[in-house]
Amino acid sequence: MKRAINFSCVVTVIFLLIPTMLLAQGNINFGNLKVIPGIEGQVVYDDNIYMKNGSDDNANKKVSDTIYHLKPGMLLNYNLPERGDLKLGWNGDWAFYNTNDKNNWNNQNFALGIDYKPPSGLLLGVNEEFRLKQDPFGSPDQYAIGRVTKRWENDLKSKLGMAWGNNTFRTIALYNMYEQQYFSNYDASQNYTLNEYGFSAEGRFLPRTWGFVRYIYGLQNYASFYGGQTENGTYVAGFPDNRKADFKYNQVNIGLTWDQGSKLTGELSVGYMWKRYNNNLDTAGNTRTDRDTWVAATNINFDATATTVLSLNIARTTRDQAADSSTFFYDTGVGVSVRQTILTRFFATAGVLYSLNDYNTAPAGYTSVGDRSDKNYIVNAGLDYKIREWLTCGIGYKYNKKSSNYENFEFADNQFMASLKIVY
């Protein structure tokens, strides 16, 4: 399964706005429609932009740079009184490198959200997010970390259900679709479509707490690729359809979720997955192994006090490396964070994440120390100051480290940042 917690329609709208109204209200309202524009400028000093281990002055050389980000955005929120809301949003991120400007990139995110709950008991939810990406942060399966890659991702999550028994029980049908496509033939082994079909039975056993049992059936198919030229003229070999890492799985989860307004929000979910491959061999003739494993996708926020919010993330899944490979790894992670309000205008945040990537094999060309195993550590801290209701400045720090039993995959990265944000 490709997607799990990970520690993110094209509409052009032009509005003529009165600046004094923005300053006085903090947002713009047209009846039930709320319009929230924003823009952020950020400066980041990064001491290892390619995420290398620095073991030599060639492929593994550490390079530092200062990166300037410009992040505009717009959110439209249309309220349906007592029935839900409709959201439409866009945000961009332009990154400009001070020295290594060939690495300049930009990301564009477009999102649509529908939450509809009429008095009849019907439940309808749609969340669609389309992302055009170039950033060097890689994918959840650890592909292309440190390299700028052009790609697009499309995530669709939808549900249709009914509440019963004075809203103490609900049954919900689920459909999710995840797509990932890279622009270059060099990256063709990463292109896939994942469809999920599911059903959830949920019951309220406390005023704002629900328990659920959920079943998911998923099918992931990698795109066909029979070979082709890259942008620089290099030929990339393809892979036959009967050797691709296509798979299907059955998954059962149990857990808890909470209504809005509760001190606890989010979802606690743990379960078990049965994963089966369509093709037993990869392109090199290596055997693929079907797997049964426990999984988790937990993201909980706890309003401990009026000024303190604690968060817990637990994630566990299995990830395949590429369409043409039998290599996979178990991805298990846990993270905790805190957000503290200080004197009404200061907001401090701090968090730590640990994850283990446990591979089934050694990397290609290596055999000396057994199967690859990576430990990932992320630590971040920040302090924001709200100058006005619509204007915030902040400073932050992020430490990202990968420790591996194979030195070439290791790196440590320090980032120091300062930002100024306007949100009307």
Protein backbone atom coordinates (compact mmCIF):
# COMPACT_ATOMS: atom_id res chain seq x y z
CA MET A 1 0.00 0.00 0.00
CA LYS A 2 1.51 3.30 -1.07
CA ARG A 3 -0.34 5.84 1.04
CA ALA A 4 -0.24 6.39 4.76
CA ILE A 5 0.33 9.22 7.23
CA ASN A 6 3.49 11.01 6.20
CA PHE A 7 5.16 13.46 8.43
CA SER A 8 1.48 17.32 1.92
CA CYS A 9 -9.71 21.28 -10.77
CA VAL A 10 -7.90 24.38 -11.71
CA VAL A 11 -9.87 27.54 -10.96
CA THR A 12 -8.78 31.10 -11.60
CA VAL A 13 -10.63 33.72 -9.55
CA ILE A 14 -10.12 37.48 -9.63
CA PHE A 15 -11.49 39.61 -6.78
CA LEU A 16 -11.49 43.39 -6.38
CA LEU A 17 -10.96 43.93 -2.67
CA ILE A 18 -11.09 46.97 -0.41
CA PRO A 19 -7.91 46.90 1.75
CA THR A 20 -9.56 48.60 4.75
CA MET A 21 -12.17 45.82 4.88
CA LEU A 22 -9.43 43.18 4.98
CA LEU A 23 -7.66 44.90 7.85
CA ALA A 24 -10.81 45.41 9.90
CA GLN A 25 -12.39 41.96 9.52
CA GLY A 26 -9.48 39.62 8.96
CA ASN A 27 -11.37 37.98 6.08
CA ILE A 28 -13.79 38.79 3.29
CA ASN A 29 -17.41 37.59 3.35
CA PHE A 30 -20.04 37.56 0.62
CA GLY A 31 -23.08 36.09 2.36
CA ASN A 32 -22.20 32.47 3.13
CA LEU A 33 -19.00 32.68 1.09
CA LYS A 34 -15.75 33.39 2.92
CA VAL A 35 -12.69 34.36 0.86
CA ILE A 36 -9.28 33.97 2.54
CA PRO A 37 -6.24 35.08 0.52
CA GLY A 38 -2.75 34.78 1.90
CA ILE A 39 0.92 35.00 1.07
CA GLU A 40 4.10 33.95 2.88
CA GLY A 41 7.73 34.81 2.32
CA GLN A 42 10.35 32.49 3.80
CA VAL A 43 14.15 32.37 3.90
CA VAL A 44 15.80 29.00 4.60
CA TYR A 45 19.48 28.26 5.15
CA ASP A 46 20.04 24.57 4.32
CA ASP A 47 23.46 23.02 4.98
CA ASN A 48 22.86 19.91 2.82
CA ILE A 49 20.53 20.67 -0.09
CA TYR A 50 21.15 17.33 -1.88
CA MET A 51 20.87 15.28 1.33
CA LYS A 52 24.27 13.60 0.91
CA ASN A 53 26.60 12.08 3.51
CA GLY A 54 29.70 14.13 2.62
CA SER A 55 31.97 11.09 2.33
CA ASP A 56 33.69 12.46 -0.81
CA ASP A 57 33.84 15.53 -3.04
CA ASN A 58 31.91 14.01 -5.95
CA ALA A 59 28.57 12.21 -5.80
CA ASN A 60 28.29 12.46 -2.00
CA LYS A 61 29.53 16.02 -1.54
CA LYS A 62 27.55 18.17 0.92
CA VAL A 63 26.41 21.50 -0.55
CA SER A 64 24.82 24.34 1.41
CA ASP A 65 22.67 27.20 0.11
CA THR A 66 20.13 29.83 1.06
CA ILE A 67 16.67 29.29 -0.41
CA TYR A 68 13.98 31.95 -0.79
CA HIS A 69 10.35 30.80 -0.82
CA LEU A 70 7.29 32.68 -2.03
CA LYS A 71 4.03 30.98 -1.04
CA PRO A 72 0.76 32.60 -2.19
CA GLY A 73 -2.62 30.96 -1.64
CA MET A 74 -6.39 31.37 -1.73
CA LEU A 75 -9.19 29.54 0.09
CA LEU A 76 -12.91 29.82 -0.72
CA ASN A 77 -15.24 28.43 1.96
CA TYR A 78 -18.97 28.31 1.26
CA ASN A 79 -21.02 27.50 4.37
CA LEU A 80 -24.18 25.39 4.06
CA PRO A 81 -25.99 26.26 7.33
CA GLU A 82 -26.56 23.13 9.47
CA ARG A 83 -25.57 20.94 6.52
CA GLY A 84 -21.82 21.32 6.04
CA ASP A 85 -19.59 23.32 3.74
CA LEU A 86 -17.79 23.49 0.42
CA LYS A 87 -14.09 24.41 0.20
CA LEU A 88 -11.96 25.27 -2.81
CA GLY A 89 -8.31 26.15 -2.41
CA TRP A 90 -4.98 26.74 -4.11
CA ASN A 91 -1.51 27.37 -2.82
CA GLY A 92 1.87 27.59 -4.49
CA ASP A 93 5.49 27.40 -3.38
CA TRP A 94 8.22 28.98 -5.51
CA ALA A 95 11.74 28.14 -4.30
CA PHE A 96 14.74 30.21 -5.48
CA TYR A 97 18.29 29.06 -4.62
CA ASN A 98 20.82 31.81 -3.97
CA THR A 99 23.77 29.97 -5.57
CA ASN A 100 22.59 26.69 -7.09
CA ASP A 101 19.78 28.27 -9.09
CA LYS A 102 19.53 25.29 -11.48
CA ASN A 103 17.65 23.65 -8.57
CA ASN A 104 14.87 26.27 -8.52
CA TRP A 105 11.47 24.61 -8.33
CA ASN A 106 7.81 25.31 -7.69
CA ASN A 107 4.88 23.29 -6.37
CA GLN A 108 1.20 23.95 -7.06
CA ASN A 109 -1.58 22.43 -4.92
CA PHE A 110 -5.28 22.53 -5.84
CA ALA A 111 -7.87 21.20 -3.41
CA LEU A 112 -11.64 20.66 -3.32
CA GLY A 113 -13.57 19.57 -0.21
CA ILE A 114 -17.28 18.78 0.19
CA ASP A 115 -18.88 17.91 3.53
CA TYR A 116 -22.67 17.54 3.29
CA LYS A 117 -25.00 16.27 6.04
CA PRO A 118 -28.69 16.99 5.26
CA PRO A 119 -31.41 16.33 7.88
CA SER A 120 -32.31 13.04 6.15
CA GLY A 121 -29.23 11.40 7.70
CA LEU A 122 -27.31 11.21 4.43
CA LEU A 123 -23.53 11.65 4.69
CA LEU A 124 -21.49 12.82 1.71
CA GLY A 125 -17.81 13.71 1.71
CA VAL A 126 -15.37 14.39 -1.14
CA ASN A 127 -11.77 15.52 -0.78
CA GLU A 128 -9.79 16.01 -3.97
CA GLU A 129 -6.18 17.25 -4.06
CA PHE A 130 -4.11 17.68 -7.20
CA ARG A 131 -0.41 18.55 -6.84
CA LEU A 132 2.11 19.61 -9.48
CA LYS A 133 5.47 19.06 -7.79
CA GLN A 134 9.15 19.62 -8.47
CA ASP A 135 10.59 19.64 -4.95
CA PRO A 136 13.62 17.51 -3.98
CA PHE A 137 11.98 15.91 -0.93
CA GLY A 138 11.26 12.57 -2.59
CA SER A 139 8.27 10.30 -2.26
CA PRO A 140 7.03 8.18 0.66
CA ASP A 141 8.87 5.17 -0.78
CA GLN A 142 12.19 7.08 -0.41
CA TYR A 143 12.58 7.66 -4.16
CA ALA A 144 14.66 10.61 -5.50
CA ILE A 145 15.40 12.24 -2.14
CA GLY A 146 17.59 15.30 -2.76
CA ARG A 147 16.89 15.43 -6.54
CA VAL A 148 14.48 17.85 -8.19
CA THR A 149 11.89 15.74 -10.05
CA LYS A 150 8.87 16.96 -12.00
CA ARG A 151 5.75 14.94 -11.23
CA TRP A 152 2.07 15.20 -10.46
CA GLU A 153 -0.04 13.53 -7.80
CA ASN A 154 -3.79 13.21 -7.55
CA ASP A 155 -5.53 12.09 -4.35
CA LEU A 156 -9.28 11.53 -4.21
CA LYS A 157 -11.04 10.44 -1.00
CA SER A 158 -14.82 10.05 -0.99
CA LYS A 159 -17.55 8.62 1.20
CA LEU A 160 -21.31 8.13 0.98
CA GLY A 161 -23.28 6.88 3.95
CA MET A 162 -26.28 7.09 6.21
CA ALA A 163 -26.73 7.86 9.91
CA TRP A 164 -29.20 5.70 11.84
CA GLY A 165 -30.82 5.53 15.27
CA ASN A 166 -30.83 9.25 16.06
CA ASN A 167 -27.25 9.52 14.79
CA THR A 168 -25.85 6.83 17.08
CA PHE A 169 -24.86 4.46 14.25
CA ARG A 170 -23.70 5.05 10.68
CA THR A 171 -22.72 2.95 7.68
CA ILE A 172 -20.41 4.42 5.07
CA ALA A 173 -19.23 3.28 1.63
CA LEU A 174 -15.71 4.47 0.73
CA TYR A 175 -13.84 5.04 -2.52
CA ASN A 176 -10.30 6.43 -2.74
CA MET A 177 -7.97 6.88 -5.71
CA TYR A 178 -4.29 7.84 -5.64
CA GLU A 179 -2.21 8.56 -8.73
CA GLN A 180 1.45 9.45 -9.22
CA GLN A 181 3.06 10.30 -12.56
CA TYR A 182 6.59 11.54 -13.29
CA PHE A 183 7.38 13.68 -16.33
CA SER A 184 10.69 12.02 -17.25
CA ASN A 185 11.05 8.52 -18.71
CA TYR A 186 13.98 8.13 -16.31
CA ASP A 187 11.44 7.91 -13.48
CA ALA A 188 8.85 5.77 -15.28
CA SER A 189 9.02 2.93 -12.75
CA GLN A 190 7.32 5.21 -10.18
CA ASN A 191 4.08 5.82 -12.13
CA TYR A 192 1.01 4.11 -10.69
CA THR A 193 -2.71 4.28 -9.95
CA LEU A 194 -4.19 2.91 -6.70
CA ASN A 195 -7.93 2.35 -6.27
CA GLU A 196 -9.49 1.53 -2.89
CA TYR A 197 -13.04 0.33 -2.21
CA GLY A 198 -14.27 0.04 1.35
CA PHE A 199 -17.03 -0.06 3.92
CA SER A 200 -17.11 1.34 7.46
CA ALA A 201 -19.56 0.56 10.28
CA GLU A 202 -19.40 3.13 13.08
CA GLY A 203 -21.15 3.46 16.42
CA ARG A 204 -21.26 6.26 19.01
CA PHE A 205 -20.49 4.97 22.53
CA LEU A 206 -19.65 8.34 24.18
CA PRO A 207 -21.22 11.76 23.44
CA ARG A 208 -18.51 12.71 20.92
CA THR A 209 -16.60 9.46 20.45
CA TRP A 210 -17.17 6.87 17.72
CA GLY A 211 -15.77 3.38 17.32
CA PHE A 212 -15.45 1.82 13.87
CA VAL A 213 -14.67 -1.36 11.96
CA ARG A 214 -13.47 -0.70 8.41
CA TYR A 215 -12.74 -2.97 5.45
CA ILE A 216 -10.66 -1.88 2.42
CA TYR A 217 -9.98 -3.69 -0.84
CA GLY A 218 -7.20 -2.08 -2.89
CA LEU A 219 -5.62 -2.55 -6.31
CA GLN A 220 -2.44 -0.82 -7.42
CA ASN A 221 -1.34 -0.92 -11.05
CA TYR A 222 1.90 0.55 -12.33
CA ALA A 223 1.86 2.25 -15.73
CA SER A 224 3.22 0.29 -18.69
CA PHE A 225 6.60 1.40 -20.02
CA TYR A 226 8.39 -0.23 -22.94
CA GLY A 227 11.49 1.96 -23.03
CA GLY A 228 12.24 5.47 -24.28
CA GLN A 229 14.55 8.46 -24.40
CA THR A 230 15.16 10.85 -21.50
CA GLU A 231 15.49 14.62 -21.93
CA ASN A 232 19.26 14.36 -22.50
CA GLY A 233 18.89 11.60 -25.11
CA THR A 234 19.78 8.66 -22.86
CA TYR A 235 17.76 5.52 -23.58
CA VAL A 236 15.95 3.96 -20.61
CA ALA A 237 14.95 0.30 -20.84
CA GLY A 238 11.33 -0.59 -20.21
CA PHE A 239 9.79 -3.50 -18.35
CA PRO A 240 7.24 -6.12 -19.51
CA ASP A 241 3.72 -5.96 -18.11
CA ASN A 242 3.98 -9.52 -16.74
CA ARG A 243 6.91 -8.50 -14.50
CA LYS A 244 5.43 -5.33 -12.95
CA ALA A 245 4.86 -5.02 -9.19
CA ASP A 246 1.06 -4.70 -9.53
CA PHE A 247 -0.75 -5.94 -6.44
CA LYS A 248 -4.05 -6.15 -4.59
CA TYR A 249 -4.78 -6.27 -0.88
CA ASN A 250 -7.45 -6.77 1.74
CA GLN A 251 -7.27 -4.73 4.92
CA VAL A 252 -9.33 -4.58 8.11
CA ASN A 253 -8.99 -1.70 10.58
CA ILE A 254 -10.55 -0.91 13.92
CA GLY A 255 -10.32 2.39 15.73
CA LEU A 256 -11.80 5.53 17.23
CA THR A 257 -12.74 8.92 15.85
CA TRP A 258 -14.22 12.06 17.39
CA ASP A 259 -16.74 14.76 16.48
CA GLN A 260 -15.60 18.33 15.96
CA GLY A 261 -15.56 20.31 19.20
CA SER A 262 -14.17 17.43 21.23
CA LYS A 263 -10.90 17.77 23.15
CA LEU A 264 -9.69 14.87 20.98
CA THR A 265 -9.78 15.15 17.19
CA GLY A 266 -8.44 13.00 14.40
CA GLU A 267 -8.46 9.23 14.16
CA LEU A 268 -6.90 6.25 15.88
CA SER A 269 -6.69 3.35 13.44
CA VAL A 270 -4.84 0.01 13.53
CA GLY A 271 -5.40 -3.10 11.47
CA TYR A 272 -4.06 -5.95 9.39
CA MET A 273 -3.29 -6.23 5.67
CA TRP A 274 -3.12 -9.22 3.33
CA LYS A 275 -1.13 -8.22 0.22
CA ARG A 276 -0.85 -10.31 -2.97
CA TYR A 277 1.15 -9.62 -6.16
CA ASN A 278 -0.18 -10.20 -9.67
CA ASN A 279 3.26 -11.24 -11.01
CA ASN A 280 5.57 -13.56 -9.09
CA LEU A 281 8.84 -12.36 -10.72
CA ASP A 282 10.42 -8.95 -11.29
CA THR A 283 12.43 -7.92 -14.37
CA ALA A 284 15.63 -9.46 -12.96
CA GLY A 285 13.94 -12.80 -12.24
CA ASN A 286 13.77 -12.24 -8.47
CA THR A 287 10.74 -13.69 -6.68
CA ARG A 288 8.16 -11.40 -5.15
CA THR A 289 6.80 -12.47 -1.77
CA ASP A 290 3.19 -11.97 -0.73
CA ARG A 291 2.92 -10.38 2.69
CA ASP A 292 0.62 -10.24 5.70
CA THR A 293 1.38 -7.47 8.21
CA TRP A 294 -0.13 -5.15 10.77
CA VAL A 295 -0.78 -1.55 9.68
CA ALA A 296 -1.62 1.74 11.37
CA ALA A 297 -2.69 5.24 10.38
CA THR A 298 -3.21 7.24 13.56
CA ASN A 299 -3.28 11.03 13.82
CA ILE A 300 -4.67 12.45 17.08
CA ASN A 301 -4.74 16.00 18.44
CA PHE A 302 -5.51 16.62 22.11
CA ASP A 303 -6.50 20.05 23.43
CA ALA A 304 -4.83 19.58 26.79
CA THR A 305 -5.60 23.15 27.90
CA ALA A 306 -6.94 26.31 26.28
CA THR A 307 -3.37 27.13 25.21
CA THR A 308 -1.75 23.69 24.69
CA VAL A 309 -2.34 21.19 21.88
CA LEU A 310 -0.58 17.81 21.85
CA SER A 311 -0.37 15.61 18.75
CA LEU A 312 0.42 11.93 18.22
CA ASN A 313 1.14 10.19 14.89
CA ILE A 314 1.62 6.46 14.43
CA ALA A 315 2.06 5.01 10.93
CA ARG A 316 2.81 1.53 9.66
CA THR A 317 2.58 0.18 6.12
CA THR A 318 4.58 -1.70 3.49
CA ARG A 319 6.02 0.13 0.47
CA ASP A 320 7.32 -1.12 -2.87
CA GLN A 321 10.42 0.49 -4.36
CA ALA A 322 9.48 0.45 -8.08
CA ALA A 323 7.40 -1.20 -10.80
CA ASP A 324 10.34 -3.26 -12.07
CA SER A 325 11.70 -4.42 -8.71
CA SER A 326 10.84 -6.94 -6.00
CA THR A 327 12.39 -4.70 -3.32
CA PHE A 328 10.04 -3.47 -0.58
CA PHE A 329 10.29 -2.19 2.97
CA TYR A 330 8.17 -1.97 6.08
CA ASP A 331 7.72 1.68 7.05
CA THR A 332 7.01 2.14 10.76
CA GLY A 333 6.97 5.54 12.43
CA VAL A 334 5.86 7.44 15.51
CA GLY A 335 5.84 11.18 16.10
CA VAL A 336 4.80 13.57 18.87
CA SER A 337 4.47 17.34 18.82
CA VAL A 338 3.20 20.23 20.92
CA ARG A 339 1.81 23.68 20.12
CA GLN A 340 1.83 26.21 22.96
CA THR A 341 0.22 29.66 22.99
CA ILE A 342 2.21 32.18 25.05
CA LEU A 343 0.75 35.53 26.09
CA THR A 344 -1.91 35.32 23.32
CA ARG A 345 0.42 36.46 20.52
CA PHE A 346 3.32 33.97 20.64
CA PHE A 347 2.95 30.40 19.35
CA ALA A 348 5.69 27.86 20.04
CA THR A 349 5.83 24.49 18.28
CA ALA A 350 8.13 21.50 18.75
CA GLY A 351 8.06 17.95 17.47
CA VAL A 352 10.06 14.78 16.98
CA LEU A 353 9.56 11.89 14.55
CA TYR A 354 11.26 8.50 14.38
CA SER A 355 10.68 5.97 11.61
CA LEU A 356 12.28 2.69 10.58
CA ASN A 357 12.52 1.53 6.95
CA ASP A 358 13.19 -2.21 7.10
CA TYR A 359 14.02 -3.56 3.60
CA ASN A 360 13.74 -7.14 2.38
CA THR A 361 17.09 -7.08 0.54
CA ALA A 362 20.46 -5.38 0.19
CA PRO A 363 20.75 -2.48 -2.30
CA ALA A 364 21.76 -3.37 -5.85
CA GLY A 365 25.53 -3.95 -5.95
CA TYR A 366 25.88 -4.43 -2.16
CA THR A 367 25.98 -7.67 -0.18
CA SER A 368 28.36 -7.07 2.71
CA VAL A 369 26.09 -6.22 5.65
CA GLY A 370 22.79 -7.90 4.80
CA ASP A 371 19.40 -6.36 4.15
CA ARG A 372 19.20 -2.57 4.11
CA SER A 373 17.80 -0.90 7.24
CA ASP A 374 17.34 2.88 7.60
CA LYS A 375 16.48 4.87 10.71
CA ASN A 376 14.99 8.32 10.15
CA TYR A 377 14.92 11.16 12.68
CA ILE A 378 13.23 14.53 12.27
CA VAL A 379 13.26 17.23 14.96
CA ASN A 380 11.68 20.63 14.48
CA ALA A 381 11.00 23.71 16.58
CA GLY A 382 9.51 27.10 15.82
CA LEU A 383 8.24 30.33 17.31
CA ASP A 384 5.63 32.58 15.65
CA TYR A 385 4.58 36.06 16.70
CA LYS A 386 1.22 37.47 15.61
CA ILE A 387 1.98 41.14 14.93
CA ARG A 388 -1.60 41.76 13.83
CA GLU A 389 -4.56 39.43 13.37
CA TRP A 390 -3.58 39.18 9.70
CA LEU A 391 0.23 39.40 9.99
CA THR A 392 2.59 36.82 11.53
CA CYS A 393 6.36 36.48 11.60
CA GLY A 394 8.28 33.40 12.69
CA ILE A 395 11.58 31.58 13.06
CA GLY A 396 12.21 27.84 12.97
CA TYR A 397 14.70 24.99 12.88
CA LYS A 398 14.52 21.48 11.37
CA TYR A 399 16.96 18.60 11.76
CA ASN A 400 16.60 15.64 9.37
CA LYS A 401 18.86 12.60 9.69
CA LYS A 402 18.92 9.20 8.01
CA SER A 403 21.12 6.51 9.55
CA SER A 404 21.65 3.33 7.52
CA ASN A 405 23.73 0.18 7.56
CA TYR A 406 24.82 1.29 4.06
CA GLU A 407 26.80 4.52 4.27
CA ASN A 408 25.80 5.87 0.84
CA PHE A 409 22.19 6.32 1.98
CA GLU A 410 23.02 8.27 5.14
CA PHE A 411 22.73 12.02 5.53
CA ALA A 412 22.15 14.76 8.09
CA ASP A 413 20.47 18.04 7.16
CA ASN A 414 20.07 21.23 9.20
CA GLN A 415 17.64 23.97 8.16
CA PHE A 416 17.22 27.40 9.75
CA MET A 417 14.28 29.51 8.60
CA ALA A 418 12.54 32.85 9.04
CA SER A 419 9.16 33.80 7.60
CA LEU A 420 6.58 36.56 7.26
CA LYS A 421 2.95 35.59 6.56
CA ILE A 422 -0.15 37.59 5.65
CA VAL A 423 -3.57 35.89 5.83
CA TYR A 424 -6.70 37.99 5.40
